[in-house]
């Protein structure tokens, strides 16, 4: 494997860097405790002694960061890093809201939903622009189009990109969620239900979806890359405010992992295959055909443009208690580009 060049930035410099203005987010609230008087003395002293962060098979960069110890190498023995696996965006959002993790991986749509419902999270890095969702049916199914889903049972994990993909797909045929029976199942359980014949279709998620294609002949009857939102790396506002030095280390590690993944696609696929326990052929499909990692890590208008399309779907689904106002407020405050701007400078 190629050697990754790590950029270890002293915590005192990072604390100063947090004073820059953020895009569409809190401009002054990211100032750390150090910048207000508790100055960090050396690069080995950090604002916290623990970091809880997730990894997920739908986030290839997280697998690289974890496998190569990029965060641990910078933080050293002073900070204990706890890795928690997220089975889906909904689980990552649950962990973030409960304070079980400081940083978590979701789809953009799921992050917007969580923020609109009061979860104090912001996106600090973009890990991919994937085509990770589609409408899936079992081999030999009579369902060949979205229109055929009317009156059928469909497995989907509510609060995740595949669920919002399903809602948008139904809309193209003048249908709504009321025209189908949604079985709210976690992604892997959705595949199992499809193959057992318990549901007629499934709003799938890679790499599980790609494995279903290869291993059981599942068919993707509807694909639309524009209905997939970006991969968001999110953090709680309290973590960003109180520990900006460690947040910067996380985002720096992600940008290092992105560079490595682009240079080593085969090794990235092999790592995904190992962690997800899938065939290497499936992993290659996910990494090389459906995971666009070659995107800017800086969150901004490109992601907001996608979320503005999804926003009316969220409102119409009654998934947000505060309705349109809450969604609009979330759109205005979800982006925090400070850390990604710092991480990508000079790259």
C-alpha atoms as a PDB file:
ATOM      1  CA  UNK A   1       0.000   0.000   0.000  1.00  0.00           C
ATOM      2  CA  UNK A   2       1.131   3.550  -0.662  1.00  0.00           C
ATOM      3  CA  UNK A   3       2.535   5.609   2.144  1.00  0.00           C
ATOM      4  CA  UNK A   4       0.273   8.350   3.418  1.00  0.00           C
ATOM      5  CA  UNK A   5       1.979  11.653   4.207  1.00  0.00           C
ATOM      6  CA  UNK A   6       0.464  12.930   7.426  1.00  0.00           C
ATOM      7  CA  UNK A   7       0.246  16.594   8.304  1.00  0.00           C
ATOM      8  CA  UNK A   8       0.347  16.951  12.074  1.00  0.00           C
ATOM      9  CA  UNK A   9      -0.768  20.475  12.982  1.00  0.00           C
ATOM     10  CA  UNK A  10      -0.100  21.771  16.482  1.00  0.00           C
ATOM     11  CA  UNK A  11      -3.252  22.206  18.518  1.00  0.00           C
ATOM     12  CA  UNK A  12      -2.488  25.878  19.207  1.00  0.00           C
ATOM     13  CA  UNK A  13      -2.456  26.587  15.462  1.00  0.00           C
ATOM     14  CA  UNK A  14      -5.690  24.676  14.994  1.00  0.00           C
ATOM     15  CA  UNK A  15      -7.399  26.621  17.732  1.00  0.00           C
ATOM     16  CA  UNK A  16      -6.445  29.844  15.976  1.00  0.00           C
ATOM     17  CA  UNK A  17      -7.629  28.536  12.639  1.00  0.00           C
ATOM     18  CA  UNK A  18     -11.090  27.984  14.076  1.00  0.00           C
ATOM     19  CA  UNK A  19     -11.591  31.756  14.222  1.00  0.00           C
ATOM     20  CA  UNK A  20     -12.247  31.979  10.475  1.00  0.00           C
ATOM     21  CA  UNK A  21     -15.789  32.620   9.348  1.00  0.00           C
ATOM     22  CA  UNK A  22     -17.847  29.593   8.413  1.00  0.00           C
ATOM     23  CA  UNK A  23     -20.225  29.234   5.471  1.00  0.00           C
ATOM     24  CA  UNK A  24     -23.907  29.051   6.343  1.00  0.00           C
ATOM     25  CA  UNK A  25     -23.182  28.211   9.964  1.00  0.00           C
ATOM     26  CA  UNK A  26     -22.197  29.693  13.287  1.00  0.00           C
ATOM     27  CA  UNK A  27     -19.348  32.117  12.667  1.00  0.00           C
ATOM     28  CA  UNK A  28     -18.083  32.787  16.168  1.00  0.00           C
ATOM     29  CA  UNK A  29     -19.284  29.782  18.073  1.00  0.00           C
ATOM     30  CA  UNK A  30     -16.490  27.493  16.860  1.00  0.00           C
ATOM     31  CA  UNK A  31     -13.919  29.407  18.891  1.00  0.00           C
ATOM     32  CA  UNK A  32     -12.368  26.932  21.286  1.00  0.00           C
ATOM     33  CA  UNK A  33     -11.871  27.226  24.985  1.00  0.00           C
ATOM     34  CA  UNK A  34      -8.162  27.611  24.245  1.00  0.00           C
ATOM     35  CA  UNK A  35      -8.782  30.738  22.170  1.00  0.00           C
ATOM     36  CA  UNK A  36     -10.593  32.270  25.153  1.00  0.00           C
ATOM     37  CA  UNK A  37      -7.756  31.850  27.562  1.00  0.00           C
ATOM     38  CA  UNK A  38      -7.018  28.161  28.124  1.00  0.00           C
ATOM     39  CA  UNK A  39      -4.129  28.149  25.691  1.00  0.00           C
ATOM     40  CA  UNK A  40      -2.741  24.772  24.673  1.00  0.00           C
ATOM     41  CA  UNK A  41       0.858  24.515  25.663  1.00  0.00           C
ATOM     42  CA  UNK A  42       2.242  21.935  23.271  1.00  0.00           C
ATOM     43  CA  UNK A  43       1.169  19.886  20.240  1.00  0.00           C
ATOM     44  CA  UNK A  44       0.704  16.825  22.461  1.00  0.00           C
ATOM     45  CA  UNK A  45      -1.936  18.493  24.642  1.00  0.00           C
ATOM     46  CA  UNK A  46      -5.501  18.257  23.363  1.00  0.00           C
ATOM     47  CA  UNK A  47      -8.785  19.727  24.523  1.00  0.00           C
ATOM     48  CA  UNK A  48     -10.223  16.270  25.309  1.00  0.00           C
ATOM     49  CA  UNK A  49      -8.901  12.884  26.286  1.00  0.00           C
ATOM     50  CA  UNK A  50     -11.559  10.913  24.364  1.00  0.00           C
ATOM     51  CA  UNK A  51     -12.976  10.852  20.850  1.00  0.00           C
ATOM     52  CA  UNK A  52     -15.894   8.655  19.801  1.00  0.00           C
ATOM     53  CA  UNK A  53     -16.303   8.330  16.048  1.00  0.00           C
ATOM     54  CA  UNK A  54     -18.156   5.962  13.766  1.00  0.00           C
ATOM     55  CA  UNK A  55     -17.165   3.821  10.816  1.00  0.00           C
ATOM     56  CA  UNK A  56     -19.589   2.481   8.243  1.00  0.00           C
ATOM     57  CA  UNK A  57     -19.417   0.292   5.172  1.00  0.00           C
ATOM     58  CA  UNK A  58     -21.311   2.995   3.249  1.00  0.00           C
ATOM     59  CA  UNK A  59     -18.457   5.384   4.087  1.00  0.00           C
ATOM     60  CA  UNK A  60     -15.267   3.933   2.553  1.00  0.00           C
ATOM     61  CA  UNK A  61     -13.091   6.762   3.853  1.00  0.00           C
ATOM     62  CA  UNK A  62     -14.008   5.886   7.437  1.00  0.00           C
ATOM     63  CA  UNK A  63     -12.665   2.383   6.871  1.00  0.00           C
ATOM     64  CA  UNK A  64      -9.330   3.745   5.678  1.00  0.00           C
ATOM     65  CA  UNK A  65      -9.014   6.256   8.520  1.00  0.00           C
ATOM     66  CA  UNK A  66      -9.710   3.502  11.030  1.00  0.00           C
ATOM     67  CA  UNK A  67      -7.553   0.830   9.383  1.00  0.00           C
ATOM     68  CA  UNK A  68      -4.510   3.055   8.990  1.00  0.00           C
ATOM     69  CA  UNK A  69      -4.807   4.674  12.414  1.00  0.00           C
ATOM     70  CA  UNK A  70      -4.615   8.159  10.915  1.00  0.00           C
ATOM     71  CA  UNK A  71      -6.332   9.827  13.846  1.00  0.00           C
ATOM     72  CA  UNK A  72      -4.512   7.835  16.500  1.00  0.00           C
ATOM     73  CA  UNK A  73      -1.149   8.629  14.914  1.00  0.00           C
ATOM     74  CA  UNK A  74      -1.750  12.360  15.395  1.00  0.00           C
ATOM     75  CA  UNK A  75      -3.464  12.318  18.778  1.00  0.00           C
ATOM     76  CA  UNK A  76      -1.044   9.854  20.286  1.00  0.00           C
ATOM     77  CA  UNK A  77      -1.592   8.315  23.691  1.00  0.00           C
ATOM     78  CA  UNK A  78      -3.212  11.433  25.137  1.00  0.00           C
ATOM     79  CA  UNK A  79      -6.581  10.777  23.482  1.00  0.00           C
ATOM     80  CA  UNK A  80      -8.483   7.491  23.512  1.00  0.00           C
ATOM     81  CA  UNK A  81     -10.254   6.936  20.181  1.00  0.00           C
ATOM     82  CA  UNK A  82     -13.374   4.767  20.285  1.00  0.00           C
ATOM     83  CA  UNK A  83     -14.714   3.426  16.983  1.00  0.00           C
ATOM     84  CA  UNK A  84     -18.432   2.580  16.755  1.00  0.00           C
ATOM     85  CA  UNK A  85     -20.008   0.953  13.708  1.00  0.00           C
ATOM     86  CA  UNK A  86     -23.087   2.603  12.199  1.00  0.00           C
ATOM     87  CA  UNK A  87     -25.430   0.242  10.341  1.00  0.00           C
ATOM     88  CA  UNK A  88     -27.175   3.123   8.582  1.00  0.00           C
ATOM     89  CA  UNK A  89     -27.634   6.885   8.628  1.00  0.00           C
ATOM     90  CA  UNK A  90     -30.497   6.498  11.074  1.00  0.00           C
ATOM     91  CA  UNK A  91     -28.224   4.695  13.537  1.00  0.00           C
ATOM     92  CA  UNK A  92     -25.475   7.299  13.164  1.00  0.00           C
ATOM     93  CA  UNK A  93     -28.045  10.021  13.836  1.00  0.00           C
ATOM     94  CA  UNK A  94     -29.281   8.159  16.908  1.00  0.00           C
ATOM     95  CA  UNK A  95     -25.731   7.881  18.236  1.00  0.00           C
ATOM     96  CA  UNK A  96     -25.047  11.576  17.602  1.00  0.00           C
ATOM     97  CA  UNK A  97     -28.252  12.717  19.241  1.00  0.00           C
ATOM     98  CA  UNK A  98     -27.664  10.509  22.275  1.00  0.00           C
ATOM     99  CA  UNK A  99     -24.063  11.716  22.608  1.00  0.00           C
ATOM    100  CA  UNK A 100     -22.736   8.201  22.058  1.00  0.00           C
ATOM    101  CA  UNK A 101     -20.453   9.479  19.301  1.00  0.00           C
ATOM    102  CA  UNK A 102     -18.930  12.877  18.525  1.00  0.00           C
ATOM    103  CA  UNK A 103     -18.605  12.366  14.771  1.00  0.00           C
ATOM    104  CA  UNK A 104     -20.802  10.225  12.534  1.00  0.00           C
ATOM    105  CA  UNK A 105     -21.471   9.284   8.898  1.00  0.00           C
ATOM    106  CA  UNK A 106     -24.825   9.870   7.234  1.00  0.00           C
ATOM    107  CA  UNK A 107     -26.368  10.719   3.914  1.00  0.00           C
ATOM    108  CA  UNK A 108     -27.081  14.393   3.402  1.00  0.00           C
ATOM    109  CA  UNK A 109     -30.831  13.851   3.475  1.00  0.00           C
ATOM    110  CA  UNK A 110     -30.607  12.045   6.812  1.00  0.00           C
ATOM    111  CA  UNK A 111     -28.467  14.814   8.288  1.00  0.00           C
ATOM    112  CA  UNK A 112     -30.993  17.424   7.167  1.00  0.00           C
ATOM    113  CA  UNK A 113     -33.833  15.423   8.708  1.00  0.00           C
ATOM    114  CA  UNK A 114     -31.977  15.108  12.006  1.00  0.00           C
ATOM    115  CA  UNK A 115     -31.059  18.796  12.113  1.00  0.00           C
ATOM    116  CA  UNK A 116     -34.616  19.828  11.258  1.00  0.00           C
ATOM    117  CA  UNK A 117     -35.883  17.683  14.127  1.00  0.00           C
ATOM    118  CA  UNK A 118     -33.613  19.387  16.614  1.00  0.00           C
ATOM    119  CA  UNK A 119     -30.436  17.328  16.596  1.00  0.00           C
ATOM    120  CA  UNK A 120     -27.562  19.845  16.971  1.00  0.00           C
ATOM    121  CA  UNK A 121     -25.294  18.480  14.237  1.00  0.00           C
ATOM    122  CA  UNK A 122     -23.386  20.098  11.406  1.00  0.00           C
ATOM    123  CA  UNK A 123     -21.641  18.655   8.381  1.00  0.00           C
ATOM    124  CA  UNK A 124     -17.878  19.176   8.558  1.00  0.00           C
ATOM    125  CA  UNK A 125     -16.672  17.141   5.584  1.00  0.00           C
ATOM    126  CA  UNK A 126     -18.064  15.464   2.458  1.00  0.00           C
ATOM    127  CA  UNK A 127     -16.828  11.911   2.057  1.00  0.00           C
ATOM    128  CA  UNK A 128     -18.485  10.950  -1.248  1.00  0.00           C
ATOM    129  CA  UNK A 129     -21.051  11.720  -3.942  1.00  0.00           C
ATOM    130  CA  UNK A 130     -22.342   8.176  -4.331  1.00  0.00           C
ATOM    131  CA  UNK A 131     -24.988   6.373  -6.278  1.00  0.00           C
ATOM    132  CA  UNK A 132     -25.639   4.126  -3.323  1.00  0.00           C
ATOM    133  CA  UNK A 133     -29.396   3.655  -3.517  1.00  0.00           C
ATOM    134  CA  UNK A 134     -31.871   2.153  -5.996  1.00  0.00           C
ATOM    135  CA  UNK A 135     -35.187   0.311  -6.063  1.00  0.00           C
ATOM    136  CA  UNK A 136     -34.501  -3.425  -5.902  1.00  0.00           C
ATOM    137  CA  UNK A 137     -36.701  -6.437  -6.649  1.00  0.00           C
ATOM    138  CA  UNK A 138     -35.923 -10.159  -6.492  1.00  0.00           C
ATOM    139  CA  UNK A 139     -34.884 -12.106  -9.553  1.00  0.00           C
ATOM    140  CA  UNK A 140     -37.895 -12.934 -11.724  1.00  0.00           C
ATOM    141  CA  UNK A 141     -40.184 -10.335 -10.155  1.00  0.00           C
ATOM    142  CA  UNK A 142     -43.173  -9.031 -12.124  1.00  0.00           C
ATOM    143  CA  UNK A 143     -42.337  -5.548 -10.870  1.00  0.00           C
ATOM    144  CA  UNK A 144     -40.399  -3.782 -13.604  1.00  0.00           C
ATOM    145  CA  UNK A 145     -41.049  -0.098 -12.893  1.00  0.00           C
ATOM    146  CA  UNK A 146     -41.811   2.309 -10.084  1.00  0.00           C
ATOM    147  CA  UNK A 147     -45.442   2.438 -11.221  1.00  0.00           C
ATOM    148  CA  UNK A 148     -45.710  -1.285 -10.447  1.00  0.00           C
ATOM    149  CA  UNK A 149     -45.005  -0.585  -6.775  1.00  0.00           C
ATOM    150  CA  UNK A 150     -48.546   0.687  -6.194  1.00  0.00           C
ATOM    151  CA  UNK A 151     -50.193  -1.533  -3.592  1.00  0.00           C
ATOM    152  CA  UNK A 152     -46.942  -3.431  -2.927  1.00  0.00           C
ATOM    153  CA  UNK A 153     -44.865  -3.835   0.213  1.00  0.00           C
ATOM    154  CA  UNK A 154     -41.452  -2.165   0.128  1.00  0.00           C
ATOM    155  CA  UNK A 155     -38.657  -2.486   2.687  1.00  0.00           C
ATOM    156  CA  UNK A 156     -36.900   0.771   3.521  1.00  0.00           C
ATOM    157  CA  UNK A 157     -35.000   2.218   6.445  1.00  0.00           C
ATOM    158  CA  UNK A 158     -36.837   5.388   7.387  1.00  0.00           C
ATOM    159  CA  UNK A 159     -34.666   8.446   7.920  1.00  0.00           C
ATOM    160  CA  UNK A 160     -32.015   7.315   5.420  1.00  0.00           C
ATOM    161  CA  UNK A 161     -31.148   8.147   1.819  1.00  0.00           C
ATOM    162  CA  UNK A 162     -32.783   4.985   0.393  1.00  0.00           C
ATOM    163  CA  UNK A 163     -36.062   5.967   2.056  1.00  0.00           C
ATOM    164  CA  UNK A 164     -35.967   9.465   0.577  1.00  0.00           C
ATOM    165  CA  UNK A 165     -34.848   7.958  -2.719  1.00  0.00           C
ATOM    166  CA  UNK A 166     -38.006   5.832  -2.599  1.00  0.00           C
ATOM    167  CA  UNK A 167     -40.217   8.860  -1.930  1.00  0.00           C
ATOM    168  CA  UNK A 168     -38.698  10.768  -4.829  1.00  0.00           C
ATOM    169  CA  UNK A 169     -38.981   7.750  -7.137  1.00  0.00           C
ATOM    170  CA  UNK A 170     -42.670   7.344  -6.266  1.00  0.00           C
ATOM    171  CA  UNK A 171     -43.247  11.009  -7.016  1.00  0.00           C
ATOM    172  CA  UNK A 172     -42.015  10.535 -10.599  1.00  0.00           C
ATOM    173  CA  UNK A 173     -45.039   8.303 -11.181  1.00  0.00           C
ATOM    174  CA  UNK A 174     -47.520  10.430  -9.280  1.00  0.00           C
ATOM    175  CA  UNK A 175     -47.451   8.072  -6.317  1.00  0.00           C
ATOM    176  CA  UNK A 176     -46.791   8.709  -2.632  1.00  0.00           C
ATOM    177  CA  UNK A 177     -45.845   6.646   0.377  1.00  0.00           C
ATOM    178  CA  UNK A 178     -49.562   6.174   1.027  1.00  0.00           C
ATOM    179  CA  UNK A 179     -49.792   4.129  -2.178  1.00  0.00           C
ATOM    180  CA  UNK A 180     -47.439   1.444  -0.883  1.00  0.00           C
ATOM    181  CA  UNK A 181     -46.847  -0.450   2.341  1.00  0.00           C
ATOM    182  CA  UNK A 182     -43.480   0.501   3.825  1.00  0.00           C
ATOM    183  CA  UNK A 183     -41.756  -2.080   6.003  1.00  0.00           C
ATOM    184  CA  UNK A 184     -39.328  -0.120   8.185  1.00  0.00           C
ATOM    185  CA  UNK A 185     -36.324  -2.447   8.298  1.00  0.00           C
ATOM    186  CA  UNK A 186     -32.616  -1.834   8.738  1.00  0.00           C
ATOM    187  CA  UNK A 187     -30.758  -2.126   5.419  1.00  0.00           C
ATOM    188  CA  UNK A 188     -29.458  -5.676   5.856  1.00  0.00           C
ATOM    189  CA  UNK A 189     -32.841  -6.814   7.129  1.00  0.00           C
ATOM    190  CA  UNK A 190     -34.457  -5.277   4.059  1.00  0.00           C
ATOM    191  CA  UNK A 191     -32.339  -7.455   1.830  1.00  0.00           C
ATOM    192  CA  UNK A 192     -33.189 -10.511   3.901  1.00  0.00           C
ATOM    193  CA  UNK A 193     -36.913  -9.731   3.703  1.00  0.00           C
ATOM    194  CA  UNK A 194     -36.681  -9.304  -0.070  1.00  0.00           C
ATOM    195  CA  UNK A 195     -34.949 -12.630  -0.543  1.00  0.00           C
ATOM    196  CA  UNK A 196     -37.378 -14.371   1.818  1.00  0.00           C
ATOM    197  CA  UNK A 197     -40.352 -13.020  -0.113  1.00  0.00           C
ATOM    198  CA  UNK A 198     -41.620 -11.011   2.868  1.00  0.00           C
ATOM    199  CA  UNK A 199     -41.632  -7.816   0.808  1.00  0.00           C
ATOM    200  CA  UNK A 200     -42.081  -7.145  -2.894  1.00  0.00           C
ATOM    201  CA  UNK A 201     -39.306  -4.571  -3.257  1.00  0.00           C
ATOM    202  CA  UNK A 202     -36.550  -2.902  -1.299  1.00  0.00           C
ATOM    203  CA  UNK A 203     -35.027   0.565  -1.276  1.00  0.00           C
ATOM    204  CA  UNK A 204     -31.478  -0.735  -1.201  1.00  0.00           C
ATOM    205  CA  UNK A 205     -28.150   0.599  -0.020  1.00  0.00           C
ATOM    206  CA  UNK A 206     -24.641  -0.358  -1.111  1.00  0.00           C
ATOM    207  CA  UNK A 207     -22.632  -2.401  -0.428  1.00  0.00           C
ATOM    208  CA  UNK A 208     -25.517  -4.650   0.674  1.00  0.00           C
ATOM    209  CA  UNK A 209     -27.391  -3.889  -2.534  1.00  0.00           C
ATOM    210  CA  UNK A 210     -24.469  -4.765  -4.769  1.00  0.00           C
ATOM    211  CA  UNK A 211     -24.004  -8.018  -2.860  1.00  0.00           C
ATOM    212  CA  UNK A 212     -27.677  -8.891  -3.429  1.00  0.00           C
ATOM    213  CA  UNK A 213     -27.210  -8.388  -7.167  1.00  0.00           C
ATOM    214  CA  UNK A 214     -24.212 -10.699  -7.385  1.00  0.00           C
ATOM    215  CA  UNK A 215     -25.184 -13.316  -4.816  1.00  0.00           C
ATOM    216  CA  UNK A 216     -28.933 -13.659  -5.329  1.00  0.00           C
ATOM    217  CA  UNK A 217     -29.660 -12.110  -8.722  1.00  0.00           C
ATOM    218  CA  UNK A 218     -31.553  -9.091  -7.362  1.00  0.00           C
ATOM    219  CA  UNK A 219     -32.539  -6.552 -10.024  1.00  0.00           C
ATOM    220  CA  UNK A 220     -32.299  -2.770  -9.841  1.00  0.00           C
ATOM    221  CA  UNK A 221     -35.475  -1.532 -11.542  1.00  0.00           C
ATOM    222  CA  UNK A 222     -34.973   2.178 -10.884  1.00  0.00           C
ATOM    223  CA  UNK A 223     -31.756   4.164 -10.611  1.00  0.00           C
ATOM    224  CA  UNK A 224     -31.289   7.938 -10.519  1.00  0.00           C
ATOM    225  CA  UNK A 225     -28.012   9.383  -9.312  1.00  0.00           C
ATOM    226  CA  UNK A 226     -29.658  12.775  -8.776  1.00  0.00           C
ATOM    227  CA  UNK A 227     -31.922  11.288  -6.089  1.00  0.00           C
ATOM    228  CA  UNK A 228     -28.894  10.254  -4.017  1.00  0.00           C
ATOM    229  CA  UNK A 229     -27.557  12.884  -1.618  1.00  0.00           C
ATOM    230  CA  UNK A 230     -23.910  13.301  -0.693  1.00  0.00           C
ATOM    231  CA  UNK A 231     -22.095  11.460   2.081  1.00  0.00           C
ATOM    232  CA  UNK A 232     -21.963  13.801   5.102  1.00  0.00           C
ATOM    233  CA  UNK A 233     -19.482  13.569   7.959  1.00  0.00           C
ATOM    234  CA  UNK A 234     -21.300  15.206  10.859  1.00  0.00           C
ATOM    235  CA  UNK A 235     -20.370  16.327  14.340  1.00  0.00           C
ATOM    236  CA  UNK A 236     -22.283  17.665  17.284  1.00  0.00           C
ATOM    237  CA  UNK A 237     -22.097  21.415  17.811  1.00  0.00           C
ATOM    238  CA  UNK A 238     -20.854  20.925  21.373  1.00  0.00           C
ATOM    239  CA  UNK A 239     -17.935  18.849  20.102  1.00  0.00           C
ATOM    240  CA  UNK A 240     -17.050  21.445  17.473  1.00  0.00           C
ATOM    241  CA  UNK A 241     -17.255  24.303  19.966  1.00  0.00           C
ATOM    242  CA  UNK A 242     -15.378  22.626  22.784  1.00  0.00           C
ATOM    243  CA  UNK A 243     -12.870  20.511  20.821  1.00  0.00           C
ATOM    244  CA  UNK A 244     -12.071  22.186  17.489  1.00  0.00           C
ATOM    245  CA  UNK A 245      -8.483  20.973  17.635  1.00  0.00           C
ATOM    246  CA  UNK A 246      -9.578  17.322  17.626  1.00  0.00           C
ATOM    247  CA  UNK A 247     -12.285  17.996  15.041  1.00  0.00           C
ATOM    248  CA  UNK A 248      -9.578  19.348  12.759  1.00  0.00           C
ATOM    249  CA  UNK A 249      -7.520  16.197  13.203  1.00  0.00           C
ATOM    250  CA  UNK A 250     -10.547  14.117  12.141  1.00  0.00           C
ATOM    251  CA  UNK A 251     -11.170  16.126   8.979  1.00  0.00           C
ATOM    252  CA  UNK A 252      -7.447  16.179   8.115  1.00  0.00           C
ATOM    253  CA  UNK A 253      -7.453  12.392   8.416  1.00  0.00           C
ATOM    254  CA  UNK A 254     -10.443  12.136   6.100  1.00  0.00           C
ATOM    255  CA  UNK A 255      -8.721  14.223   3.449  1.00  0.00           C
ATOM    256  CA  UNK A 256      -5.605  12.052   3.723  1.00  0.00           C
ATOM    257  CA  UNK A 257      -7.787   8.970   3.359  1.00  0.00           C
ATOM    258  CA  UNK A 258      -9.467  10.413   0.270  1.00  0.00           C
ATOM    259  CA  UNK A 259      -6.126  10.997  -1.426  1.00  0.00           C
ATOM    260  CA  UNK A 260      -5.029   7.463  -0.570  1.00  0.00           C
ATOM    261  CA  UNK A 261      -8.298   5.932  -1.807  1.00  0.00           C
ATOM    262  CA  UNK A 262      -8.049   7.706  -5.155  1.00  0.00           C
ATOM    263  CA  UNK A 263      -4.503   6.421  -5.593  1.00  0.00           C
ATOM    264  CA  UNK A 264      -5.360   2.912  -4.374  1.00  0.00           C
ATOM    265  CA  UNK A 265      -8.854   1.900  -5.541  1.00  0.00           C
ATOM    266  CA  UNK A 266      -8.100  -1.821  -5.507  1.00  0.00           C
ATOM    267  CA  UNK A 267      -6.789  -1.726  -1.939  1.00  0.00           C
ATOM    268  CA  UNK A 268      -9.800   0.382  -0.921  1.00  0.00           C
ATOM    269  CA  UNK A 269     -12.131  -2.224  -2.413  1.00  0.00           C
ATOM    270  CA  UNK A 270     -10.238  -5.002  -0.635  1.00  0.00           C
ATOM    271  CA  UNK A 271     -10.664  -3.206   2.695  1.00  0.00           C
ATOM    272  CA  UNK A 272     -14.391  -2.759   2.064  1.00  0.00           C
ATOM    273  CA  UNK A 273     -14.707  -6.437   1.170  1.00  0.00           C
ATOM    274  CA  UNK A 274     -13.003  -7.412   4.419  1.00  0.00           C
ATOM    275  CA  UNK A 275     -15.027  -5.152   6.724  1.00  0.00           C
ATOM    276  CA  UNK A 276     -18.372  -5.730   5.005  1.00  0.00           C
ATOM    277  CA  UNK A 277     -17.718  -9.456   4.516  1.00  0.00           C
ATOM    278  CA  UNK A 278     -18.570  -9.260   0.816  1.00  0.00           C
ATOM    279  CA  UNK A 279     -16.987 -10.652  -2.327  1.00  0.00           C
ATOM    280  CA  UNK A 280     -14.190  -8.570  -3.832  1.00  0.00           C
ATOM    281  CA  UNK A 281     -16.167  -8.340  -7.086  1.00  0.00           C
ATOM    282  CA  UNK A 282     -18.987  -6.663  -5.201  1.00  0.00           C
ATOM    283  CA  UNK A 283     -16.601  -4.318  -3.412  1.00  0.00           C
ATOM    284  CA  UNK A 284     -14.980  -3.318  -6.698  1.00  0.00           C
ATOM    285  CA  UNK A 285     -18.398  -2.442  -8.118  1.00  0.00           C
ATOM    286  CA  UNK A 286     -19.184  -0.273  -5.113  1.00  0.00           C
ATOM    287  CA  UNK A 287     -15.848   1.557  -5.051  1.00  0.00           C
ATOM    288  CA  UNK A 288     -15.163   1.952  -8.757  1.00  0.00           C
ATOM    289  CA  UNK A 289     -18.672   2.391 -10.142  1.00  0.00           C
ATOM    290  CA  UNK A 290     -20.925   3.755  -7.395  1.00  0.00           C
ATOM    291  CA  UNK A 291     -18.741   5.617  -4.895  1.00  0.00           C
ATOM    292  CA  UNK A 292     -17.506   8.926  -6.245  1.00  0.00           C
ATOM    293  CA  UNK A 293     -14.813   9.796  -3.735  1.00  0.00           C
ATOM    294  CA  UNK A 294     -13.188  12.333  -6.062  1.00  0.00           C
ATOM    295  CA  UNK A 295     -15.199  15.290  -4.780  1.00  0.00           C
ATOM    296  CA  UNK A 296     -14.310  18.311  -2.695  1.00  0.00           C
ATOM    297  CA  UNK A 297     -14.489  17.613   0.999  1.00  0.00           C
ATOM    298  CA  UNK A 298     -15.654  21.169   1.639  1.00  0.00           C
ATOM    299  CA  UNK A 299     -19.412  21.258   2.263  1.00  0.00           C
ATOM    300  CA  UNK A 300     -21.311  24.087   0.622  1.00  0.00           C
ATOM    301  CA  UNK A 301     -23.681  25.062  -2.153  1.00  0.00           C
ATOM    302  CA  UNK A 302     -23.358  21.826  -4.137  1.00  0.00           C
ATOM    303  CA  UNK A 303     -24.737  19.874  -1.205  1.00  0.00           C
ATOM    304  CA  UNK A 304     -27.315  22.507  -0.285  1.00  0.00           C
ATOM    305  CA  UNK A 305     -28.636  22.451  -3.861  1.00  0.00           C
ATOM    306  CA  UNK A 306     -29.365  18.734  -3.483  1.00  0.00           C
ATOM    307  CA  UNK A 307     -30.920  19.212  -0.055  1.00  0.00           C
ATOM    308  CA  UNK A 308     -33.173  21.981  -1.349  1.00  0.00           C
ATOM    309  CA  UNK A 309     -34.656  19.473  -3.781  1.00  0.00           C
ATOM    310  CA  UNK A 310     -35.140  16.922  -1.006  1.00  0.00           C
ATOM    311  CA  UNK A 311     -36.534  19.471   1.471  1.00  0.00           C
ATOM    312  CA  UNK A 312     -40.101  19.516   0.075  1.00  0.00           C
ATOM    313  CA  UNK A 313     -40.135  15.717   0.195  1.00  0.00           C
ATOM    314  CA  UNK A 314     -39.221  15.870   3.887  1.00  0.00           C
ATOM    315  CA  UNK A 315     -41.965  18.383   4.580  1.00  0.00           C
ATOM    316  CA  UNK A 316     -44.582  16.433   2.613  1.00  0.00           C
ATOM    317  CA  UNK A 317     -43.663  13.209   4.417  1.00  0.00           C
ATOM    318  CA  UNK A 318     -44.538  14.729   7.806  1.00  0.00           C
ATOM    319  CA  UNK A 319     -41.171  13.496   9.058  1.00  0.00           C
ATOM    320  CA  UNK A 320     -40.304  16.910  10.521  1.00  0.00           C
ATOM    321  CA  UNK A 321     -42.305  18.119  13.489  1.00  0.00           C
ATOM    322  CA  UNK A 322     -41.695  21.792  12.738  1.00  0.00           C
ATOM    323  CA  UNK A 323     -42.582  21.451   9.067  1.00  0.00           C
ATOM    324  CA  UNK A 324     -41.227  23.787   6.394  1.00  0.00           C
ATOM    325  CA  UNK A 325     -39.904  26.369   8.841  1.00  0.00           C
ATOM    326  CA  UNK A 326     -37.788  23.801  10.674  1.00  0.00           C
ATOM    327  CA  UNK A 327     -36.419  22.414   7.416  1.00  0.00           C
ATOM    328  CA  UNK A 328     -35.491  25.891   6.168  1.00  0.00           C
ATOM    329  CA  UNK A 329     -33.756  26.688   9.443  1.00  0.00           C
ATOM    330  CA  UNK A 330     -31.818  23.434   9.146  1.00  0.00           C
ATOM    331  CA  UNK A 331     -30.742  24.311   5.607  1.00  0.00           C
ATOM    332  CA  UNK A 332     -29.447  27.654   6.852  1.00  0.00           C
ATOM    333  CA  UNK A 333     -27.370  26.193   9.695  1.00  0.00           C
ATOM    334  CA  UNK A 334     -26.281  22.674   8.787  1.00  0.00           C
ATOM    335  CA  UNK A 335     -23.054  23.529   6.935  1.00  0.00           C
ATOM    336  CA  UNK A 336     -19.805  24.176   8.783  1.00  0.00           C
ATOM    337  CA  UNK A 337     -16.981  24.391   6.259  1.00  0.00           C
ATOM    338  CA  UNK A 338     -14.278  25.672   8.617  1.00  0.00           C
ATOM    339  CA  UNK A 339     -12.480  22.405   9.166  1.00  0.00           C
ATOM    340  CA  UNK A 340     -12.601  21.135   5.577  1.00  0.00           C
ATOM    341  CA  UNK A 341     -11.330  24.472   4.250  1.00  0.00           C
ATOM    342  CA  UNK A 342      -8.381  24.230   6.626  1.00  0.00           C
ATOM    343  CA  UNK A 343      -7.754  20.576   5.714  1.00  0.00           C
ATOM    344  CA  UNK A 344      -7.795  21.140   1.965  1.00  0.00           C
ATOM    345  CA  UNK A 345      -5.656  24.269   1.832  1.00  0.00           C
ATOM    346  CA  UNK A 346      -2.618  23.583  -0.315  1.00  0.00           C
ATOM    347  CA  UNK A 347      -3.882  20.245  -1.598  1.00  0.00           C
END
